[in-house]
């Protein structure tokens, strides 16, 4: 069988499907929004198919989610799962909640909806609880000064839509503003800058309250990270909404660290031992790809390492001019966790798979679509989500799903229904 890791932008879904069906020791680590649900401006409008939820249950201990969103709260994924079922009681009693990590890795949940926040203090949770109120006050003031063409009722509706009062990752999602301000692009750009400044102010306030280094801001989409490891804002332009999600998150809540938490738990389920210890959490994980990889190499038995399939939809690339030179900025909230899964496969000679879902067909229009073409009558991918230099990217997207979450969900359901293993 062809090695999956040698593929690049492949449409050979059957090869990947057979690999998952035939491999008992396999692990799927998967993002949510844009992958198994369509992207929408308001998270309250998200929909997940019940047959997909049932398929997750069938995968048992071989599947975990890894998302920057959250399980709980009115905008959490648990509510969406409950709405897709015939009854909430069925979800709770039979364990149909999606197991895994949310909040970038600081919110853990099992399939019965039991939630924990390993490594987070009560002081930090109290500060996070105040963030939505502070944001609401600032946005209301901004709208009254700069958006006088909106009525008070419209302002309230917009602000209620853009503030996500998540438990461990309060978020400002300005997609609704982008839609409402299409004729006022300069105001939208100013709004983006104001939200960025507000996030900086919140970080400074946390430091004053004795919570230095407790939080960071996740920008989506972004331009990768700077030399200090901080994410770089993607500026809005006349034709691009740029960064639309500003997530105030707990330090350590990065997806690549979540991969180690999930691997540690997977080994426990299948071997009875925690290679990194029972109390390991993402806040105890190192920060760099190299250090994370070394932790895996030095602590996990390679003979018991599963075939890992990482699935995401947020991998972007922007070419910029700086001081007369062309600079390629590669970012995306799924990039680094997919990169780590690929690096683990390369280092331990495991045929890991990095899978990309094209979510450009959703309501959020800042995603670059996959470009398809024909070669000798066969459909091929002409261009992926990267840039013209993407053949030099360290991250190689092995298999892609150009028709988005619906195509992937059907694939996933087929795999779950065909596997014969526990």
Protein backbone atom coordinates (compact mmCIF):
# COMPACT_ATOMS: atom_id res chain seq x y z
CA UNK A 1 0.00 0.00 0.00
CA UNK A 2 1.20 3.51 -0.83
CA UNK A 3 2.43 5.48 2.18
CA UNK A 4 -0.07 8.22 3.02
CA UNK A 5 2.67 10.55 4.26
CA UNK A 6 4.25 10.61 0.80
CA UNK A 7 1.09 12.01 -0.79
CA UNK A 8 0.66 15.74 -1.43
CA UNK A 9 -2.75 17.36 -2.01
CA UNK A 10 -4.13 13.94 -2.94
CA UNK A 11 -7.77 13.19 -3.71
CA UNK A 12 -7.29 9.45 -3.06
CA UNK A 13 -9.87 9.19 -0.28
CA UNK A 14 -10.28 5.44 -0.75
CA UNK A 15 -6.61 4.82 0.06
CA UNK A 16 -6.92 6.79 3.30
CA UNK A 17 -10.24 5.14 4.12
CA UNK A 18 -8.81 1.66 3.75
CA UNK A 19 -5.83 2.59 5.91
CA UNK A 20 -8.15 3.65 8.74
CA UNK A 21 -10.37 0.60 8.33
CA UNK A 22 -7.48 -1.87 8.33
CA UNK A 23 -5.37 -0.34 11.12
CA UNK A 24 -6.46 -1.34 14.66
CA UNK A 25 -3.98 1.01 16.35
CA UNK A 26 -5.15 4.30 14.86
CA UNK A 27 -6.03 7.71 16.28
CA UNK A 28 -7.97 10.56 14.66
CA UNK A 29 -7.35 14.05 16.08
CA UNK A 30 -9.81 16.45 14.49
CA UNK A 31 -10.79 20.11 14.51
CA UNK A 32 -14.53 20.95 14.46
CA UNK A 33 -15.67 24.20 12.82
CA UNK A 34 -15.30 23.91 9.06
CA UNK A 35 -14.41 20.22 9.34
CA UNK A 36 -17.56 18.46 10.52
CA UNK A 37 -19.75 21.58 10.52
CA UNK A 38 -20.10 24.41 8.01
CA UNK A 39 -18.57 27.76 8.90
CA UNK A 40 -21.19 30.34 9.91
CA UNK A 41 -20.98 33.94 11.14
CA UNK A 42 -22.94 33.22 14.32
CA UNK A 43 -21.85 30.04 16.18
CA UNK A 44 -25.44 29.66 17.45
CA UNK A 45 -26.43 28.69 13.92
CA UNK A 46 -24.02 25.77 13.60
CA UNK A 47 -25.44 22.37 12.65
CA UNK A 48 -23.93 18.92 13.06
CA UNK A 49 -25.38 15.80 11.46
CA UNK A 50 -26.60 13.06 13.79
CA UNK A 51 -25.12 10.29 11.66
CA UNK A 52 -21.70 11.93 12.10
CA UNK A 53 -22.20 12.01 15.90
CA UNK A 54 -23.12 8.32 15.84
CA UNK A 55 -19.99 7.60 13.81
CA UNK A 56 -17.85 9.34 16.44
CA UNK A 57 -19.37 7.06 19.08
CA UNK A 58 -18.47 3.99 17.00
CA UNK A 59 -14.83 5.13 16.79
CA UNK A 60 -14.74 4.87 20.58
CA UNK A 61 -11.24 5.54 21.95
CA UNK A 62 -9.73 6.11 18.50
CA UNK A 63 -11.13 9.61 18.04
CA UNK A 64 -10.71 12.94 19.86
CA UNK A 65 -11.55 16.52 18.97
CA UNK A 66 -9.02 19.34 19.30
CA UNK A 67 -10.64 22.74 18.94
CA UNK A 68 -10.21 26.37 19.93
CA UNK A 69 -13.96 26.50 20.50
CA UNK A 70 -15.59 25.08 23.62
CA UNK A 71 -17.70 22.12 24.65
CA UNK A 72 -19.91 24.00 27.12
CA UNK A 73 -21.90 27.24 27.23
CA UNK A 74 -24.70 28.49 25.01
CA UNK A 75 -22.34 28.56 22.00
CA UNK A 76 -20.60 25.31 22.89
CA UNK A 77 -20.59 22.22 20.69
CA UNK A 78 -22.51 20.18 23.27
CA UNK A 79 -25.64 22.21 22.56
CA UNK A 80 -25.25 21.55 18.85
CA UNK A 81 -24.92 17.81 19.45
CA UNK A 82 -28.03 17.84 21.64
CA UNK A 83 -30.04 19.64 18.95
CA UNK A 84 -29.06 17.03 16.37
CA UNK A 85 -30.36 14.16 18.53
CA UNK A 86 -33.94 12.99 19.00
CA UNK A 87 -33.57 13.77 22.71
CA UNK A 88 -31.01 15.36 25.02
CA UNK A 89 -31.50 12.46 27.41
CA UNK A 90 -30.26 10.04 24.76
CA UNK A 91 -27.05 12.05 24.32
CA UNK A 92 -26.38 12.13 28.06
CA UNK A 93 -27.25 8.53 28.87
CA UNK A 94 -25.52 6.88 25.90
CA UNK A 95 -22.49 9.17 25.78
CA UNK A 96 -22.82 10.91 22.44
CA UNK A 97 -20.87 14.06 23.32
CA UNK A 98 -17.69 14.61 21.30
CA UNK A 99 -14.72 13.59 23.46
CA UNK A 100 -11.51 15.58 23.48
CA UNK A 101 -9.98 18.97 24.08
CA UNK A 102 -11.51 22.41 23.62
CA UNK A 103 -10.32 25.92 24.44
CA UNK A 104 -7.13 25.09 22.53
CA UNK A 105 -6.39 22.28 24.97
CA UNK A 106 -7.47 23.45 28.44
CA UNK A 107 -11.03 22.08 28.47
CA UNK A 108 -11.25 18.30 28.59
CA UNK A 109 -14.46 16.33 28.10
CA UNK A 110 -15.37 12.65 27.91
CA UNK A 111 -18.23 11.28 25.80
CA UNK A 112 -20.69 11.68 28.68
CA UNK A 113 -20.09 15.42 28.90
CA UNK A 114 -17.98 15.38 32.06
CA UNK A 115 -15.82 18.50 31.78
CA UNK A 116 -12.55 19.39 33.50
CA UNK A 117 -10.15 22.33 33.19
CA UNK A 118 -6.78 20.82 34.13
CA UNK A 119 -4.14 23.31 35.18
CA UNK A 120 -6.38 26.42 35.40
CA UNK A 121 -6.68 28.33 38.70
CA UNK A 122 -9.83 29.88 40.17
CA UNK A 123 -8.12 33.30 39.92
CA UNK A 124 -7.71 32.83 36.17
CA UNK A 125 -11.29 31.65 35.71
CA UNK A 126 -12.58 34.71 37.59
CA UNK A 127 -10.62 37.06 35.31
CA UNK A 128 -11.89 35.27 32.20
CA UNK A 129 -15.48 35.62 33.39
CA UNK A 130 -15.15 39.43 33.34
CA UNK A 131 -13.76 39.70 29.80
CA UNK A 132 -17.11 39.60 27.90
CA UNK A 133 -18.50 42.50 29.96
CA UNK A 134 -15.42 44.63 29.33
CA UNK A 135 -15.57 43.90 25.60
CA UNK A 136 -19.28 44.72 25.43
CA UNK A 137 -18.72 48.13 27.03
CA UNK A 138 -15.85 48.97 24.64
CA UNK A 139 -17.70 47.86 21.49
CA UNK A 140 -20.84 49.73 22.50
CA UNK A 141 -18.82 52.93 22.93
CA UNK A 142 -17.11 52.41 19.56
CA UNK A 143 -20.41 51.85 17.75
CA UNK A 144 -22.04 54.93 19.24
CA UNK A 145 -19.09 57.07 18.10
CA UNK A 146 -18.34 55.54 14.69
CA UNK A 147 -21.54 53.79 13.59
CA UNK A 148 -24.25 56.39 14.05
CA UNK A 149 -26.03 54.93 10.99
CA UNK A 150 -26.95 51.90 13.15
CA UNK A 151 -29.95 52.12 15.47
CA UNK A 152 -29.51 51.25 19.15
CA UNK A 153 -31.36 48.02 18.51
CA UNK A 154 -29.04 47.10 15.62
CA UNK A 155 -25.97 47.83 17.75
CA UNK A 156 -27.24 45.55 20.51
CA UNK A 157 -28.00 42.76 18.02
CA UNK A 158 -24.56 42.98 16.41
CA UNK A 159 -22.68 43.10 19.71
CA UNK A 160 -24.63 40.14 21.09
CA UNK A 161 -23.63 38.19 17.98
CA UNK A 162 -19.92 39.06 18.03
CA UNK A 163 -19.17 38.49 21.73
CA UNK A 164 -18.81 34.80 22.55
CA UNK A 165 -18.89 34.44 26.32
CA UNK A 166 -16.98 31.18 26.35
CA UNK A 167 -15.93 29.80 29.74
CA UNK A 168 -12.16 29.58 29.14
CA UNK A 169 -11.77 31.39 25.81
CA UNK A 170 -13.97 34.50 25.63
CA UNK A 171 -13.95 35.60 22.01
CA UNK A 172 -14.73 38.58 19.81
CA UNK A 173 -15.80 37.42 16.34
CA UNK A 174 -16.18 40.49 14.10
CA UNK A 175 -17.50 38.66 11.02
CA UNK A 176 -20.94 40.23 11.56
CA UNK A 177 -19.36 43.70 11.60
CA UNK A 178 -17.57 42.89 8.34
CA UNK A 179 -20.88 42.02 6.72
CA UNK A 180 -22.67 45.09 8.11
CA UNK A 181 -19.86 47.51 7.24
CA UNK A 182 -19.33 46.55 3.58
CA UNK A 183 -19.96 50.17 2.60
CA UNK A 184 -17.76 51.49 5.41
CA UNK A 185 -14.51 49.57 5.02
CA UNK A 186 -12.42 52.23 6.78
CA UNK A 187 -14.58 51.88 9.90
CA UNK A 188 -14.20 48.10 9.82
CA UNK A 189 -10.42 48.41 9.60
CA UNK A 190 -10.47 50.84 12.54
CA UNK A 191 -12.66 48.41 14.49
CA UNK A 192 -10.18 45.59 13.91
CA UNK A 193 -7.39 47.80 15.28
CA UNK A 194 -9.53 48.79 18.29
CA UNK A 195 -10.23 45.15 19.16
CA UNK A 196 -6.52 44.38 18.89
CA UNK A 197 -5.73 47.23 21.30
CA UNK A 198 -8.43 46.01 23.67
CA UNK A 199 -6.87 42.54 23.76
CA UNK A 200 -3.51 44.14 24.61
CA UNK A 201 -5.17 46.14 27.39
CA UNK A 202 -6.70 42.98 28.84
CA UNK A 203 -3.31 41.27 28.89
CA UNK A 204 -1.83 44.30 30.68
CA UNK A 205 -4.69 44.29 33.20
CA UNK A 206 -4.15 40.58 33.89
CA UNK A 207 -0.48 41.27 34.62
CA UNK A 208 -1.45 44.02 37.09
CA UNK A 209 -3.70 41.51 38.86
CA UNK A 210 -0.85 39.06 39.33
CA UNK A 211 -1.65 36.96 36.26
CA UNK A 212 1.39 37.69 34.16
CA UNK A 213 1.84 35.07 31.43
CA UNK A 214 -1.53 33.48 32.27
CA UNK A 215 -3.16 34.42 28.95
CA UNK A 216 -2.50 35.06 25.29
CA UNK A 217 -4.56 36.15 22.29
CA UNK A 218 -5.26 33.78 19.43
CA UNK A 219 -5.90 35.52 16.11
CA UNK A 220 -7.82 33.69 13.40
CA UNK A 221 -6.83 33.80 10.64
CA UNK A 222 -3.30 34.95 11.40
CA UNK A 223 0.10 35.40 9.75
CA UNK A 224 1.90 32.81 11.84
CA UNK A 225 4.05 33.72 14.84
CA UNK A 226 6.79 36.26 15.47
CA UNK A 227 10.22 35.60 16.99
CA UNK A 228 8.70 35.71 20.48
CA UNK A 229 6.14 33.05 19.63
CA UNK A 230 3.22 35.52 19.56
CA UNK A 231 0.64 35.25 16.80
CA UNK A 232 0.65 37.97 14.15
CA UNK A 233 -2.56 39.80 13.28
CA UNK A 234 -3.67 39.56 9.65
CA UNK A 235 -4.58 43.18 8.83
CA UNK A 236 -7.88 43.89 7.10
CA UNK A 237 -7.76 45.43 3.63
CA UNK A 238 -10.30 46.71 1.13
CA UNK A 239 -10.81 43.16 -0.13
CA UNK A 240 -9.93 40.98 2.86
CA UNK A 241 -11.56 40.84 6.30
CA UNK A 242 -8.22 39.76 7.79
CA UNK A 243 -8.26 38.55 11.38
CA UNK A 244 -11.88 38.21 12.49
CA UNK A 245 -11.59 36.05 15.63
CA UNK A 246 -9.86 37.42 18.72
CA UNK A 247 -9.75 34.66 21.34
CA UNK A 248 -8.55 35.53 24.83
CA UNK A 249 -7.07 32.21 25.84
CA UNK A 250 -5.20 30.51 28.65
CA UNK A 251 -1.46 30.25 28.13
CA UNK A 252 -0.57 26.71 27.14
CA UNK A 253 -3.88 26.32 25.33
CA UNK A 254 -2.30 25.68 21.96
CA UNK A 255 -3.35 22.78 19.80
CA UNK A 256 0.07 21.23 19.33
CA UNK A 257 0.37 20.83 23.12
CA UNK A 258 -3.08 19.25 23.01
CA UNK A 259 -1.72 16.53 20.72
CA UNK A 260 0.59 15.40 23.54
CA UNK A 261 -2.26 15.39 26.08
CA UNK A 262 -4.38 13.25 23.77
CA UNK A 263 -1.52 10.88 22.96
CA UNK A 264 -0.77 10.51 26.68
CA UNK A 265 -4.42 9.61 27.32
CA UNK A 266 -4.62 7.32 24.29
CA UNK A 267 -1.62 5.32 25.55
CA UNK A 268 -3.29 4.99 28.94
CA UNK A 269 -6.49 3.66 27.38
CA UNK A 270 -4.62 1.11 25.28
CA UNK A 271 -1.62 0.21 27.49
CA UNK A 272 -2.73 1.13 31.01
CA UNK A 273 0.14 3.60 31.44
CA UNK A 274 0.54 7.38 31.05
CA UNK A 275 3.92 8.00 29.35
CA UNK A 276 3.92 11.63 30.58
CA UNK A 277 2.24 10.92 33.90
CA UNK A 278 -1.40 10.97 34.94
CA UNK A 279 -1.37 14.70 35.80
CA UNK A 280 0.14 15.93 32.55
CA UNK A 281 -1.75 18.80 30.93
CA UNK A 282 -1.06 21.33 28.18
CA UNK A 283 0.14 23.95 30.66
CA UNK A 284 3.01 21.62 31.54
CA UNK A 285 3.99 21.13 27.90
CA UNK A 286 6.97 22.86 26.28
CA UNK A 287 6.32 25.61 23.75
CA UNK A 288 8.28 24.75 20.59
CA UNK A 289 7.74 22.08 17.96
CA UNK A 290 11.22 20.71 18.60
CA UNK A 291 10.70 20.39 22.35
CA UNK A 292 7.26 18.80 21.91
CA UNK A 293 8.67 16.29 19.44
CA UNK A 294 11.55 15.43 21.77
CA UNK A 295 9.06 14.81 24.59
CA UNK A 296 7.31 12.25 22.39
CA UNK A 297 10.54 10.58 21.25
CA UNK A 298 11.90 10.32 24.80
CA UNK A 299 8.73 9.06 26.51
CA UNK A 300 6.47 7.15 24.12
CA UNK A 301 7.14 3.57 23.07
CA UNK A 302 7.40 3.79 19.24
CA UNK A 303 6.22 0.19 18.92
CA UNK A 304 2.87 1.23 20.42
CA UNK A 305 2.55 4.54 18.57
CA UNK A 306 -0.72 4.67 16.62
CA UNK A 307 -1.24 5.72 13.04
CA UNK A 308 -2.41 9.31 13.59
CA UNK A 309 -4.67 11.22 11.23
CA UNK A 310 -4.82 14.95 11.94
CA UNK A 311 -7.73 16.83 10.35
CA UNK A 312 -8.11 20.61 10.04
CA UNK A 313 -9.34 23.39 7.79
CA UNK A 314 -7.38 26.46 8.87
CA UNK A 315 -4.04 26.56 7.10
CA UNK A 316 -3.29 29.81 5.31
CA UNK A 317 -0.47 31.70 3.68
CA UNK A 318 0.07 35.35 2.78
CA UNK A 319 2.79 36.81 0.56
CA UNK A 320 3.88 40.30 1.69
CA UNK A 321 6.34 42.95 0.61
CA UNK A 322 8.66 44.21 3.34
CA UNK A 323 11.63 46.51 2.66
CA UNK A 324 11.49 45.55 -0.99
CA UNK A 325 11.64 41.85 -0.25
CA UNK A 326 8.95 39.21 -0.63
CA UNK A 327 8.02 37.59 2.67
CA UNK A 328 5.77 34.56 3.02
CA UNK A 329 3.76 34.43 6.26
CA UNK A 330 2.24 31.02 6.96
CA UNK A 331 -0.35 30.69 9.69
CA UNK A 332 -3.71 29.16 10.56
CA UNK A 333 -4.96 27.73 13.85
CA UNK A 334 -4.60 24.13 12.63
CA UNK A 335 -1.16 24.44 11.08
CA UNK A 336 0.98 23.71 14.12
CA UNK A 337 -0.91 20.70 15.46
CA UNK A 338 -0.92 19.17 11.98
CA UNK A 339 2.79 19.91 11.68
CA UNK A 340 3.53 18.11 14.95
CA UNK A 341 1.56 15.03 13.85
CA UNK A 342 3.55 15.01 10.63
CA UNK A 343 6.84 15.45 12.50
CA UNK A 344 6.02 12.57 14.85
CA UNK A 345 5.38 10.34 11.85
CA UNK A 346 8.64 11.35 10.18
CA UNK A 347 10.70 10.94 13.35
CA UNK A 348 9.26 7.57 14.38
CA UNK A 349 8.68 6.24 10.86
CA UNK A 350 4.90 6.12 11.32
CA UNK A 351 2.71 6.65 8.26
CA UNK A 352 0.78 9.56 9.77
CA UNK A 353 -1.73 11.49 7.65
CA UNK A 354 -2.36 15.23 7.51
CA UNK A 355 -5.82 15.92 6.10
CA UNK A 356 -7.19 19.27 4.93
CA UNK A 357 -10.88 20.17 4.59
CA UNK A 358 -11.76 23.03 2.22
CA UNK A 359 -14.16 25.18 4.28
CA UNK A 360 -14.22 28.09 1.81
CA UNK A 361 -17.84 27.33 0.90
CA UNK A 362 -19.17 28.52 4.26
CA UNK A 363 -20.47 31.93 5.30
CA UNK A 364 -17.00 33.15 6.28
CA UNK A 365 -15.19 34.26 3.15
CA UNK A 366 -11.55 34.58 4.22
CA UNK A 367 -10.64 31.03 3.16
CA UNK A 368 -8.80 30.30 -0.05
CA UNK A 369 -10.54 27.54 -2.03
CA UNK A 370 -8.73 24.53 -3.42
CA UNK A 371 -8.27 24.84 -7.18
CA UNK A 372 -9.04 21.69 -9.18
CA UNK A 373 -8.15 20.77 -12.75
CA UNK A 374 -7.79 17.86 -15.14
CA UNK A 375 -4.76 15.82 -16.13
CA UNK A 376 -5.32 13.11 -18.72
CA UNK A 377 -9.01 13.09 -17.79
CA UNK A 378 -8.30 12.70 -14.09
CA UNK A 379 -9.27 15.35 -11.52
CA UNK A 380 -6.26 16.70 -9.64
CA UNK A 381 -5.50 19.55 -7.25
CA UNK A 382 -3.78 22.40 -9.06
CA UNK A 383 -3.44 24.66 -6.04
CA UNK A 384 -3.89 24.16 -2.32
CA UNK A 385 -4.57 26.67 0.47
CA UNK A 386 -0.93 27.82 0.57
CA UNK A 387 0.97 30.18 -1.71
CA UNK A 388 3.06 29.86 -4.87
CA UNK A 389 5.95 28.74 -2.69
CA UNK A 390 3.95 26.05 -0.89
CA UNK A 391 6.11 23.30 -2.35
CA UNK A 392 8.74 24.63 0.07
CA UNK A 393 6.40 24.44 3.06
CA UNK A 394 7.47 22.18 5.92
CA UNK A 395 3.81 21.14 6.28
CA UNK A 396 2.70 18.73 3.57
CA UNK A 397 -1.07 18.34 3.26
CA UNK A 398 -1.40 14.68 2.28
CA UNK A 399 -5.10 14.33 1.47
CA UNK A 400 -7.65 17.08 0.80
CA UNK A 401 -11.45 17.23 0.70
CA UNK A 402 -12.35 20.00 -1.77
CA UNK A 403 -16.11 19.62 -1.19
CA UNK A 404 -15.83 20.55 2.46
CA UNK A 405 -17.35 19.18 5.64
CA UNK A 406 -20.16 17.25 3.98
CA UNK A 407 -17.72 15.23 1.89
CA UNK A 408 -15.51 14.58 4.91
CA UNK A 409 -18.42 13.59 7.17
CA UNK A 410 -19.55 10.99 4.65
CA UNK A 411 -15.98 9.66 4.48
CA UNK A 412 -15.73 9.56 8.28
CA UNK A 413 -19.08 7.80 8.64
CA UNK A 414 -18.04 5.16 6.09
CA UNK A 415 -14.83 4.52 8.06
CA UNK A 416 -16.65 4.19 11.39
CA UNK A 417 -19.26 1.83 9.94
CA UNK A 418 -16.60 -0.39 8.34
CA UNK A 419 -14.05 -0.76 11.17
CA UNK A 420 -14.19 -4.08 13.03
CA UNK A 421 -12.02 -3.03 15.96
CA UNK A 422 -12.87 -1.69 19.43
